[in-house]
C-alpha atoms as a PDB file:
ATOM      1  CA  UNK A   1       0.050   0.262  -0.019  1.00  0.00           C
ATOM      2  CA  UNK A   2       1.047   3.523  -0.746  1.00  0.00           C
ATOM      3  CA  UNK A   3       2.196   5.967   1.667  1.00  0.00           C
ATOM      4  CA  UNK A   4      -0.952   8.658   3.107  1.00  0.00           C
ATOM      5  CA  UNK A   5       0.260  11.437   0.645  1.00  0.00           C
ATOM      6  CA  UNK A   6       2.850  13.824   2.846  1.00  0.00           C
ATOM      7  CA  UNK A   7       1.465  17.789   3.075  1.00  0.00           C
ATOM      8  CA  UNK A   8       4.303  20.393   4.643  1.00  0.00           C
ATOM      9  CA  UNK A   9       2.218  23.538   4.403  1.00  0.00           C
ATOM     10  CA  UNK A  10       3.937  27.198   4.594  1.00  0.00           C
ATOM     11  CA  UNK A  11       1.944  30.606   5.536  1.00  0.00           C
ATOM     12  CA  UNK A  12      -0.287  30.471   8.968  1.00  0.00           C
ATOM     13  CA  UNK A  13      -2.332  33.631   8.348  1.00  0.00           C
ATOM     14  CA  UNK A  14      -6.262  34.178   7.953  1.00  0.00           C
ATOM     15  CA  UNK A  15      -6.226  31.426   5.104  1.00  0.00           C
ATOM     16  CA  UNK A  16      -4.079  29.377   6.032  1.00  0.00           C
ATOM     17  CA  UNK A  17      -4.771  28.484  10.057  1.00  0.00           C
ATOM     18  CA  UNK A  18      -7.923  27.066   8.627  1.00  0.00           C
ATOM     19  CA  UNK A  19      -7.326  25.501   6.074  1.00  0.00           C
ATOM     20  CA  UNK A  20      -4.553  23.775   7.813  1.00  0.00           C
ATOM     21  CA  UNK A  21      -7.594  22.035  10.111  1.00  0.00           C
ATOM     22  CA  UNK A  22      -9.005  21.132   7.419  1.00  0.00           C
ATOM     23  CA  UNK A  23      -6.573  19.168   6.303  1.00  0.00           C
ATOM     24  CA  UNK A  24      -5.740  17.823   9.893  1.00  0.00           C
ATOM     25  CA  UNK A  25      -9.227  16.625  10.314  1.00  0.00           C
ATOM     26  CA  UNK A  26      -9.175  14.647   7.291  1.00  0.00           C
ATOM     27  CA  UNK A  27      -6.357  12.800   8.678  1.00  0.00           C
ATOM     28  CA  UNK A  28      -3.513  14.170   6.530  1.00  0.00           C
ATOM     29  CA  UNK A  29       0.229  14.377   7.837  1.00  0.00           C
ATOM     30  CA  UNK A  30       0.971  17.670   7.837  1.00  0.00           C
ATOM     31  CA  UNK A  31       4.154  19.953   8.400  1.00  0.00           C
ATOM     32  CA  UNK A  32       4.026  23.373   9.159  1.00  0.00           C
ATOM     33  CA  UNK A  33       6.509  26.996   8.888  1.00  0.00           C
ATOM     34  CA  UNK A  34       5.509  30.096   9.541  1.00  0.00           C
ATOM     35  CA  UNK A  35       8.008  33.539   9.445  1.00  0.00           C
ATOM     36  CA  UNK A  36       6.903  33.664  13.300  1.00  0.00           C
ATOM     37  CA  UNK A  37       6.529  29.895  14.221  1.00  0.00           C
ATOM     38  CA  UNK A  38       4.400  30.942  17.353  1.00  0.00           C
ATOM     39  CA  UNK A  39       0.981  31.404  14.243  1.00  0.00           C
ATOM     40  CA  UNK A  40       2.113  27.496  14.045  1.00  0.00           C
ATOM     41  CA  UNK A  41       1.059  26.461  17.949  1.00  0.00           C
ATOM     42  CA  UNK A  42      -2.268  25.646  17.316  1.00  0.00           C
ATOM     43  CA  UNK A  43      -1.744  23.129  14.820  1.00  0.00           C
ATOM     44  CA  UNK A  44       0.799  21.937  16.864  1.00  0.00           C
ATOM     45  CA  UNK A  45      -1.981  21.222  19.290  1.00  0.00           C
ATOM     46  CA  UNK A  46      -4.087  19.843  16.849  1.00  0.00           C
ATOM     47  CA  UNK A  47      -1.105  17.128  15.667  1.00  0.00           C
ATOM     48  CA  UNK A  48       0.810  19.312  13.017  1.00  0.00           C
ATOM     49  CA  UNK A  49       4.888  19.202  13.295  1.00  0.00           C
ATOM     50  CA  UNK A  50       6.685  22.106  13.124  1.00  0.00           C
ATOM     51  CA  UNK A  51       9.633  22.663  10.782  1.00  0.00           C
ATOM     52  CA  UNK A  52      11.976  24.880  11.938  1.00  0.00           C
ATOM     53  CA  UNK A  53      12.904  25.902   8.758  1.00  0.00           C
ATOM     54  CA  UNK A  54      11.682  25.903   5.069  1.00  0.00           C
ATOM     55  CA  UNK A  55      14.933  22.830   4.871  1.00  0.00           C
ATOM     56  CA  UNK A  56      13.124  20.511   7.651  1.00  0.00           C
ATOM     57  CA  UNK A  57       9.194  21.924   6.172  1.00  0.00           C
ATOM     58  CA  UNK A  58      10.842  20.523   2.533  1.00  0.00           C
ATOM     59  CA  UNK A  59      12.781  17.077   4.184  1.00  0.00           C
ATOM     60  CA  UNK A  60       9.713  13.504   2.574  1.00  0.00           C
ATOM     61  CA  UNK A  61       7.238  16.033   1.102  1.00  0.00           C
ATOM     62  CA  UNK A  62       4.637  14.779  -1.254  1.00  0.00           C
ATOM     63  CA  UNK A  63       3.099  18.179  -1.433  1.00  0.00           C
ATOM     64  CA  UNK A  64       4.704  21.655  -0.772  1.00  0.00           C
ATOM     65  CA  UNK A  65       1.874  24.363   0.021  1.00  0.00           C
ATOM     66  CA  UNK A  66       1.890  28.272   0.016  1.00  0.00           C
ATOM     67  CA  UNK A  67      -0.617  30.657   0.765  1.00  0.00           C
ATOM     68  CA  UNK A  68       1.806  33.873   1.434  1.00  0.00           C
ATOM     69  CA  UNK A  69       0.749  37.224   1.161  1.00  0.00           C
ATOM     70  CA  UNK A  70       2.290  38.552  -1.993  1.00  0.00           C
ATOM     71  CA  UNK A  71       4.215  37.886  -5.324  1.00  0.00           C
ATOM     72  CA  UNK A  72       7.498  38.452  -2.983  1.00  0.00           C
ATOM     73  CA  UNK A  73       6.758  36.487  -0.576  1.00  0.00           C
ATOM     74  CA  UNK A  74       5.865  33.633  -2.892  1.00  0.00           C
ATOM     75  CA  UNK A  75       9.788  34.534  -4.106  1.00  0.00           C
ATOM     76  CA  UNK A  76      12.002  34.810  -1.324  1.00  0.00           C
ATOM     77  CA  UNK A  77      10.080  31.639   0.308  1.00  0.00           C
ATOM     78  CA  UNK A  78      10.954  29.239  -2.720  1.00  0.00           C
ATOM     79  CA  UNK A  79      13.460  30.932  -4.303  1.00  0.00           C
ATOM     80  CA  UNK A  80      16.010  32.329  -1.543  1.00  0.00           C
ATOM     81  CA  UNK A  81      19.635  30.693  -0.449  1.00  0.00           C
ATOM     82  CA  UNK A  82      17.750  28.666   2.183  1.00  0.00           C
ATOM     83  CA  UNK A  83      14.197  28.654   0.193  1.00  0.00           C
ATOM     84  CA  UNK A  84      12.253  25.384  -0.765  1.00  0.00           C
ATOM     85  CA  UNK A  85      13.462  24.989  -4.836  1.00  0.00           C
ATOM     86  CA  UNK A  86      16.705  24.012  -3.159  1.00  0.00           C
ATOM     87  CA  UNK A  87      15.573  21.117  -1.231  1.00  0.00           C
ATOM     88  CA  UNK A  88      12.822  20.106  -3.646  1.00  0.00           C
ATOM     89  CA  UNK A  89      13.110  16.554  -6.140  1.00  0.00           C
ATOM     90  CA  UNK A  90      12.235  15.866  -8.953  1.00  0.00           C
ATOM     91  CA  UNK A  91       8.986  14.293  -7.563  1.00  0.00           C
ATOM     92  CA  UNK A  92       7.566  17.375  -5.172  1.00  0.00           C
ATOM     93  CA  UNK A  93       4.317  19.227  -6.164  1.00  0.00           C
ATOM     94  CA  UNK A  94       3.714  23.011  -5.608  1.00  0.00           C
ATOM     95  CA  UNK A  95       0.687  24.060  -4.520  1.00  0.00           C
ATOM     96  CA  UNK A  96       0.647  27.793  -4.822  1.00  0.00           C
ATOM     97  CA  UNK A  97      -2.617  28.682  -3.218  1.00  0.00           C
ATOM     98  CA  UNK A  98      -1.305  33.251  -2.678  1.00  0.00           C
ATOM     99  CA  UNK A  99      -2.707  35.180  -4.991  1.00  0.00           C
ATOM    100  CA  UNK A 100       0.314  36.659  -7.212  1.00  0.00           C
ATOM    101  CA  UNK A 101       0.953  37.988 -10.232  1.00  0.00           C
ATOM    102  CA  UNK A 102       0.207  35.511 -13.455  1.00  0.00           C
ATOM    103  CA  UNK A 103       3.170  36.797 -14.724  1.00  0.00           C
ATOM    104  CA  UNK A 104       5.199  35.587 -12.051  1.00  0.00           C
ATOM    105  CA  UNK A 105       3.326  32.648 -11.448  1.00  0.00           C
ATOM    106  CA  UNK A 106       4.574  31.758 -14.976  1.00  0.00           C
ATOM    107  CA  UNK A 107       8.333  32.863 -14.349  1.00  0.00           C
ATOM    108  CA  UNK A 108       8.042  30.999 -10.537  1.00  0.00           C
ATOM    109  CA  UNK A 109       7.001  28.014 -12.313  1.00  0.00           C
ATOM    110  CA  UNK A 110       9.903  27.380 -15.691  1.00  0.00           C
ATOM    111  CA  UNK A 111      12.197  28.484 -12.876  1.00  0.00           C
ATOM    112  CA  UNK A 112      12.147  25.933 -10.467  1.00  0.00           C
ATOM    113  CA  UNK A 113      11.271  22.854 -13.101  1.00  0.00           C
ATOM    114  CA  UNK A 114      14.247  24.473 -14.846  1.00  0.00           C
ATOM    115  CA  UNK A 115      16.023  24.041 -11.041  1.00  0.00           C
ATOM    116  CA  UNK A 116      15.192  21.014  -9.715  1.00  0.00           C
ATOM    117  CA  UNK A 117      12.144  19.658 -12.019  1.00  0.00           C
ATOM    118  CA  UNK A 118       9.341  19.839  -9.823  1.00  0.00           C
ATOM    119  CA  UNK A 119       5.946  20.609 -10.991  1.00  0.00           C
ATOM    120  CA  UNK A 120       3.827  24.190 -10.477  1.00  0.00           C
ATOM    121  CA  UNK A 121       0.537  24.626  -9.755  1.00  0.00           C
ATOM    122  CA  UNK A 122      -0.910  27.895  -8.944  1.00  0.00           C
ATOM    123  CA  UNK A 123      -4.459  26.795  -7.134  1.00  0.00           C
ATOM    124  CA  UNK A 124      -6.085  29.493  -5.631  1.00  0.00           C
ATOM    125  CA  UNK A 125      -8.697  30.199  -3.449  1.00  0.00           C
ATOM    126  CA  UNK A 126     -12.825  32.132  -2.915  1.00  0.00           C
ATOM    127  CA  UNK A 127     -14.849  31.989  -0.121  1.00  0.00           C
ATOM    128  CA  UNK A 128     -12.980  33.287   3.139  1.00  0.00           C
ATOM    129  CA  UNK A 129     -12.194  32.310   6.044  1.00  0.00           C
ATOM    130  CA  UNK A 130     -15.287  31.710   6.952  1.00  0.00           C
ATOM    131  CA  UNK A 131     -15.204  29.234   3.036  1.00  0.00           C
ATOM    132  CA  UNK A 132     -12.429  27.835   4.936  1.00  0.00           C
ATOM    133  CA  UNK A 133     -13.682  27.215   8.352  1.00  0.00           C
ATOM    134  CA  UNK A 134     -16.019  24.657   6.948  1.00  0.00           C
ATOM    135  CA  UNK A 135     -14.019  23.246   3.494  1.00  0.00           C
ATOM    136  CA  UNK A 136     -16.615  25.223   1.270  1.00  0.00           C
ATOM    137  CA  UNK A 137     -12.954  27.063  -0.789  1.00  0.00           C
ATOM    138  CA  UNK A 138     -13.420  27.327  -4.949  1.00  0.00           C
ATOM    139  CA  UNK A 139     -10.256  26.740  -5.678  1.00  0.00           C
ATOM    140  CA  UNK A 140      -9.568  27.448  -9.211  1.00  0.00           C
ATOM    141  CA  UNK A 141      -6.744  25.510 -10.762  1.00  0.00           C
ATOM    142  CA  UNK A 142      -3.527  26.192 -12.960  1.00  0.00           C
ATOM    143  CA  UNK A 143      -1.308  23.278 -14.587  1.00  0.00           C
ATOM    144  CA  UNK A 144      -1.265  19.833 -16.265  1.00  0.00           C
ATOM    145  CA  UNK A 145      -4.108  18.054 -15.834  1.00  0.00           C
ATOM    146  CA  UNK A 146      -2.541  15.213 -13.791  1.00  0.00           C
ATOM    147  CA  UNK A 147      -1.099  16.784 -11.268  1.00  0.00           C
ATOM    148  CA  UNK A 148      -5.022  18.464 -10.927  1.00  0.00           C
ATOM    149  CA  UNK A 149      -6.193  15.051 -10.135  1.00  0.00           C
ATOM    150  CA  UNK A 150      -3.497  14.281  -7.958  1.00  0.00           C
ATOM    151  CA  UNK A 151      -4.639  17.468  -5.530  1.00  0.00           C
ATOM    152  CA  UNK A 152      -8.480  16.138  -6.158  1.00  0.00           C
ATOM    153  CA  UNK A 153      -8.236  14.070  -2.954  1.00  0.00           C
ATOM    154  CA  UNK A 154      -6.515  15.998  -0.963  1.00  0.00           C
ATOM    155  CA  UNK A 155      -7.691  18.924  -1.305  1.00  0.00           C
ATOM    156  CA  UNK A 156     -11.419  17.878  -1.341  1.00  0.00           C
ATOM    157  CA  UNK A 157     -10.908  18.647   2.526  1.00  0.00           C
ATOM    158  CA  UNK A 158     -11.056  22.578   1.310  1.00  0.00           C
ATOM    159  CA  UNK A 159     -13.257  23.043  -1.104  1.00  0.00           C
ATOM    160  CA  UNK A 160     -16.230  21.949  -2.428  1.00  0.00           C
ATOM    161  CA  UNK A 161     -14.557  22.615  -6.094  1.00  0.00           C
ATOM    162  CA  UNK A 162     -12.254  22.821  -8.119  1.00  0.00           C
ATOM    163  CA  UNK A 163     -11.930  24.164 -11.475  1.00  0.00           C
ATOM    164  CA  UNK A 164      -8.652  22.683 -13.694  1.00  0.00           C
ATOM    165  CA  UNK A 165      -8.582  26.036 -15.701  1.00  0.00           C
ATOM    166  CA  UNK A 166      -5.643  25.886 -17.715  1.00  0.00           C
ATOM    167  CA  UNK A 167      -2.376  26.099 -18.036  1.00  0.00           C
ATOM    168  CA  UNK A 168       0.358  27.298 -14.831  1.00  0.00           C
ATOM    169  CA  UNK A 169      -1.052  30.900 -14.660  1.00  0.00           C
ATOM    170  CA  UNK A 170      -4.760  30.439 -15.553  1.00  0.00           C
ATOM    171  CA  UNK A 171      -5.486  29.936 -11.618  1.00  0.00           C
ATOM    172  CA  UNK A 172      -3.838  33.056 -10.969  1.00  0.00           C
ATOM    173  CA  UNK A 173      -6.000  35.019 -13.808  1.00  0.00           C
ATOM    174  CA  UNK A 174      -8.961  34.092 -12.847  1.00  0.00           C
ATOM    175  CA  UNK A 175      -8.481  34.569  -9.265  1.00  0.00           C
ATOM    176  CA  UNK A 176      -7.243  38.384 -10.973  1.00  0.00           C
ATOM    177  CA  UNK A 177     -11.025  38.595 -11.909  1.00  0.00           C
ATOM    178  CA  UNK A 178     -12.426  37.064  -9.479  1.00  0.00           C
ATOM    179  CA  UNK A 179     -11.319  39.538  -6.727  1.00  0.00           C
ATOM    180  CA  UNK A 180     -11.892  42.461  -9.978  1.00  0.00           C
ATOM    181  CA  UNK A 181     -15.006  41.417  -8.983  1.00  0.00           C
ATOM    182  CA  UNK A 182     -14.794  41.148  -5.212  1.00  0.00           C
ATOM    183  CA  UNK A 183     -13.306  44.763  -4.195  1.00  0.00           C
ATOM    184  CA  UNK A 184     -15.254  46.249  -7.548  1.00  0.00           C
ATOM    185  CA  UNK A 185     -18.462  44.732  -5.821  1.00  0.00           C
ATOM    186  CA  UNK A 186     -17.313  45.585  -2.058  1.00  0.00           C
ATOM    187  CA  UNK A 187     -17.403  49.266  -2.636  1.00  0.00           C
ATOM    188  CA  UNK A 188     -20.225  49.830  -4.502  1.00  0.00           C
ATOM    189  CA  UNK A 189     -22.178  48.443  -1.701  1.00  0.00           C
ATOM    190  CA  UNK A 190     -21.142  50.618   0.743  1.00  0.00           C
ATOM    191  CA  UNK A 191     -22.245  53.107  -1.381  1.00  0.00           C
ATOM    192  CA  UNK A 192     -25.281  51.660  -1.107  1.00  0.00           C
ATOM    193  CA  UNK A 193     -25.543  51.044   1.921  1.00  0.00           C
ATOM    194  CA  UNK A 194     -24.632  55.198   2.546  1.00  0.00           C
ATOM    195  CA  UNK A 195     -27.161  55.768   0.443  1.00  0.00           C
ATOM    196  CA  UNK A 196     -30.073  53.611   1.649  1.00  0.00           C
ATOM    197  CA  UNK A 197     -29.497  55.434   5.275  1.00  0.00           C
ATOM    198  CA  UNK A 198     -28.771  58.565   4.059  1.00  0.00           C
ATOM    199  CA  UNK A 199     -32.276  58.030   2.232  1.00  0.00           C
ATOM    200  CA  UNK A 200     -34.191  57.443   5.335  1.00  0.00           C
ATOM    201  CA  UNK A 201     -33.429  54.086   4.653  1.00  0.00           C
ATOM    202  CA  UNK A 202     -32.198  51.320   7.707  1.00  0.00           C
ATOM    203  CA  UNK A 203     -29.750  49.900   5.825  1.00  0.00           C
ATOM    204  CA  UNK A 204     -29.717  47.258   8.041  1.00  0.00           C
ATOM    205  CA  UNK A 205     -32.504  46.028   6.116  1.00  0.00           C
ATOM    206  CA  UNK A 206     -30.746  46.075   2.870  1.00  0.00           C
ATOM    207  CA  UNK A 207     -29.342  42.400   2.858  1.00  0.00           C
ATOM    208  CA  UNK A 208     -32.549  40.325   3.536  1.00  0.00           C
ATOM    209  CA  UNK A 209     -34.860  42.581   1.485  1.00  0.00           C
ATOM    210  CA  UNK A 210     -32.294  41.991  -1.665  1.00  0.00           C
ATOM    211  CA  UNK A 211     -31.352  38.306  -0.903  1.00  0.00           C
ATOM    212  CA  UNK A 212     -32.561  36.746  -4.262  1.00  0.00           C
ATOM    213  CA  UNK A 213     -32.614  38.871  -6.319  1.00  0.00           C
ATOM    214  CA  UNK A 214     -30.538  40.010  -9.403  1.00  0.00           C
ATOM    215  CA  UNK A 215     -28.231  41.905  -6.692  1.00  0.00           C
ATOM    216  CA  UNK A 216     -27.583  39.526  -4.356  1.00  0.00           C
ATOM    217  CA  UNK A 217     -24.472  37.989  -3.243  1.00  0.00           C
ATOM    218  CA  UNK A 218     -22.261  36.214  -1.166  1.00  0.00           C
ATOM    219  CA  UNK A 219     -20.404  40.520  -0.318  1.00  0.00           C
ATOM    220  CA  UNK A 220     -23.660  41.856   0.344  1.00  0.00           C
ATOM    221  CA  UNK A 221     -25.567  38.932   2.671  1.00  0.00           C
ATOM    222  CA  UNK A 222     -21.670  39.726   4.220  1.00  0.00           C
ATOM    223  CA  UNK A 223     -21.212  42.919   3.440  1.00  0.00           C
ATOM    224  CA  UNK A 224     -23.258  45.493   3.824  1.00  0.00           C
ATOM    225  CA  UNK A 225     -24.224  44.257   7.739  1.00  0.00           C
ATOM    226  CA  UNK A 226     -21.206  44.482   8.727  1.00  0.00           C
ATOM    227  CA  UNK A 227     -21.216  47.853   7.221  1.00  0.00           C
ATOM    228  CA  UNK A 228     -24.683  49.060   8.202  1.00  0.00           C
ATOM    229  CA  UNK A 229     -23.483  47.712  11.212  1.00  0.00           C
ATOM    230  CA  UNK A 230     -20.407  49.933  11.753  1.00  0.00           C
ATOM    231  CA  UNK A 231     -19.171  46.208  12.644  1.00  0.00           C
ATOM    232  CA  UNK A 232     -15.458  45.591  11.191  1.00  0.00           C
ATOM    233  CA  UNK A 233     -14.413  43.221  13.580  1.00  0.00           C
ATOM    234  CA  UNK A 234     -13.034  39.679  13.599  1.00  0.00           C
ATOM    235  CA  UNK A 235     -12.052  40.939  10.261  1.00  0.00           C
ATOM    236  CA  UNK A 236     -12.408  38.035   6.944  1.00  0.00           C
ATOM    237  CA  UNK A 237     -10.595  40.306   4.548  1.00  0.00           C
ATOM    238  CA  UNK A 238      -7.935  42.913   4.333  1.00  0.00           C
ATOM    239  CA  UNK A 239      -7.625  45.986   2.910  1.00  0.00           C
ATOM    240  CA  UNK A 240      -4.493  45.793   2.326  1.00  0.00           C
ATOM    241  CA  UNK A 241      -5.436  42.027   0.755  1.00  0.00           C
ATOM    242  CA  UNK A 242      -7.226  43.120  -1.389  1.00  0.00           C
ATOM    243  CA  UNK A 243      -5.177  46.428  -3.234  1.00  0.00           C
ATOM    244  CA  UNK A 244      -2.761  43.906  -3.245  1.00  0.00           C
ATOM    245  CA  UNK A 245      -4.954  42.225  -5.550  1.00  0.00           C
ATOM    246  CA  UNK A 246      -6.578  45.010  -7.728  1.00  0.00           C
ATOM    247  CA  UNK A 247      -3.174  46.000  -8.208  1.00  0.00           C
ATOM    248  CA  UNK A 248      -2.359  42.910 -10.218  1.00  0.00           C
ATOM    249  CA  UNK A 249      -6.458  43.293 -11.321  1.00  0.00           C
ATOM    250  CA  UNK A 250      -4.502  46.748 -13.486  1.00  0.00           C
ATOM    251  CA  UNK A 251      -0.900  45.795 -13.890  1.00  0.00           C
ATOM    252  CA  UNK A 252      -3.349  42.648 -16.308  1.00  0.00           C
ATOM    253  CA  UNK A 253      -5.209  44.525 -17.988  1.00  0.00           C
ATOM    254  CA  UNK A 254      -2.238  46.965 -18.767  1.00  0.00           C
ATOM    255  CA  UNK A 255       0.111  43.335 -20.254  1.00  0.00           C
ATOM    256  CA  UNK A 256      -2.602  42.101 -22.205  1.00  0.00           C
ATOM    257  CA  UNK A 257      -4.363  45.699 -23.602  1.00  0.00           C
ATOM    258  CA  UNK A 258      -7.195  44.924 -22.632  1.00  0.00           C
ATOM    259  CA  UNK A 259     -10.474  47.858 -20.748  1.00  0.00           C
ATOM    260  CA  UNK A 260     -10.146  48.353 -17.240  1.00  0.00           C
ATOM    261  CA  UNK A 261     -11.750  51.456 -16.273  1.00  0.00           C
ATOM    262  CA  UNK A 262     -13.984  49.395 -13.197  1.00  0.00           C
ATOM    263  CA  UNK A 263     -10.976  48.592 -12.365  1.00  0.00           C
ATOM    264  CA  UNK A 264      -8.853  51.635 -12.483  1.00  0.00           C
ATOM    265  CA  UNK A 265     -11.589  53.170  -9.967  1.00  0.00           C
ATOM    266  CA  UNK A 266     -11.629  50.912  -7.840  1.00  0.00           C
ATOM    267  CA  UNK A 267      -7.700  50.812  -7.990  1.00  0.00           C
ATOM    268  CA  UNK A 268      -7.857  54.370  -6.456  1.00  0.00           C
ATOM    269  CA  UNK A 269     -10.761  53.809  -3.932  1.00  0.00           C
ATOM    270  CA  UNK A 270      -8.940  51.523  -2.337  1.00  0.00           C
ATOM    271  CA  UNK A 271      -5.879  52.877  -2.307  1.00  0.00           C
ATOM    272  CA  UNK A 272      -7.198  56.327  -0.692  1.00  0.00           C
ATOM    273  CA  UNK A 273      -8.917  54.168   2.200  1.00  0.00           C
ATOM    274  CA  UNK A 274      -5.434  52.004   2.840  1.00  0.00           C
ATOM    275  CA  UNK A 275      -3.533  55.256   3.228  1.00  0.00           C
ATOM    276  CA  UNK A 276      -6.840  56.486   5.510  1.00  0.00           C
ATOM    277  CA  UNK A 277      -5.054  53.773   7.905  1.00  0.00           C
ATOM    278  CA  UNK A 278      -6.946  50.932   7.125  1.00  0.00           C
ATOM    279  CA  UNK A 279      -4.803  49.045   4.975  1.00  0.00           C
ATOM    280  CA  UNK A 280      -5.556  45.966   7.711  1.00  0.00           C
ATOM    281  CA  UNK A 281      -9.271  46.929   8.803  1.00  0.00           C
ATOM    282  CA  UNK A 282     -11.088  44.381   7.280  1.00  0.00           C
ATOM    283  CA  UNK A 283     -12.860  45.052   4.433  1.00  0.00           C
ATOM    284  CA  UNK A 284     -16.147  46.033   5.337  1.00  0.00           C
ATOM    285  CA  UNK A 285     -14.982  49.273   6.382  1.00  0.00           C
ATOM    286  CA  UNK A 286     -14.995  50.801   3.340  1.00  0.00           C
ATOM    287  CA  UNK A 287     -17.951  52.151   3.946  1.00  0.00           C
ATOM    288  CA  UNK A 288     -15.871  55.258   5.627  1.00  0.00           C
ATOM    289  CA  UNK A 289     -15.088  56.312   2.008  1.00  0.00           C
ATOM    290  CA  UNK A 290     -19.302  56.806   0.876  1.00  0.00           C
ATOM    291  CA  UNK A 291     -20.488  58.016   5.243  1.00  0.00           C
ATOM    292  CA  UNK A 292     -18.077  60.518   6.676  1.00  0.00           C
ATOM    293  CA  UNK A 293     -16.002  59.495  10.185  1.00  0.00           C
ATOM    294  CA  UNK A 294     -19.481  58.128  11.863  1.00  0.00           C
ATOM    295  CA  UNK A 295     -17.988  54.926   9.641  1.00  0.00           C
END
């Protein structure tokens, strides 16, 4: 009998922590690493093995998962002198759940293949912290068909659906599209909540009133009540994360000569909110752009 797939996971943040908990609950042998090792403590208590170094993380791993903040963080963890690429074998599959630039993803995959023969799947996720906790994420993946199929069983613990979008990089292109819709939608929801309030409507009724209609969405049902109540804790989506994703959308539009006026405007508005000191705040805090100081 073959051994269970040994999974290594780098990046124990808002998404990485509940994703690792799901993998452990499904019985997968799991080794975890984080730049701040204290964040791995809850997972160690649940049965994960802590790796003090990236070399230790990579040792004997069949699948190495990344869930990191941005393109620069992925490059550092993979290709620094003490990074993962120097430790991996040709049998290892790197699965990047991070949301990073598509062009960089393709370059990283080629660099990894040339350096050690390991293969890359970009597998960004959507569904937020709640989706991660419930194992209801949707995964949009780019890579070789055989590699995607190898991942379906272990990633079933995390997701309601894994869709193969095409070759390496296509998962990140899909995630850019996803985040453009989420970020721009969040700003429009904030604008609508502020408009409802100033028009004399109890904005807490907006989401239930619109449920099931053409204006409804998961962001509407999650963000509108939080905006109406001015409740921005706990943090589910960081403003800085959505700003990074909007930057990626604007960059991809420029690289592909695609018109993106709404992406550009959303990027400007999100940047304005972040520069006012809200970069680490929850996305629902963008109500402050439209409702003034009381937001």
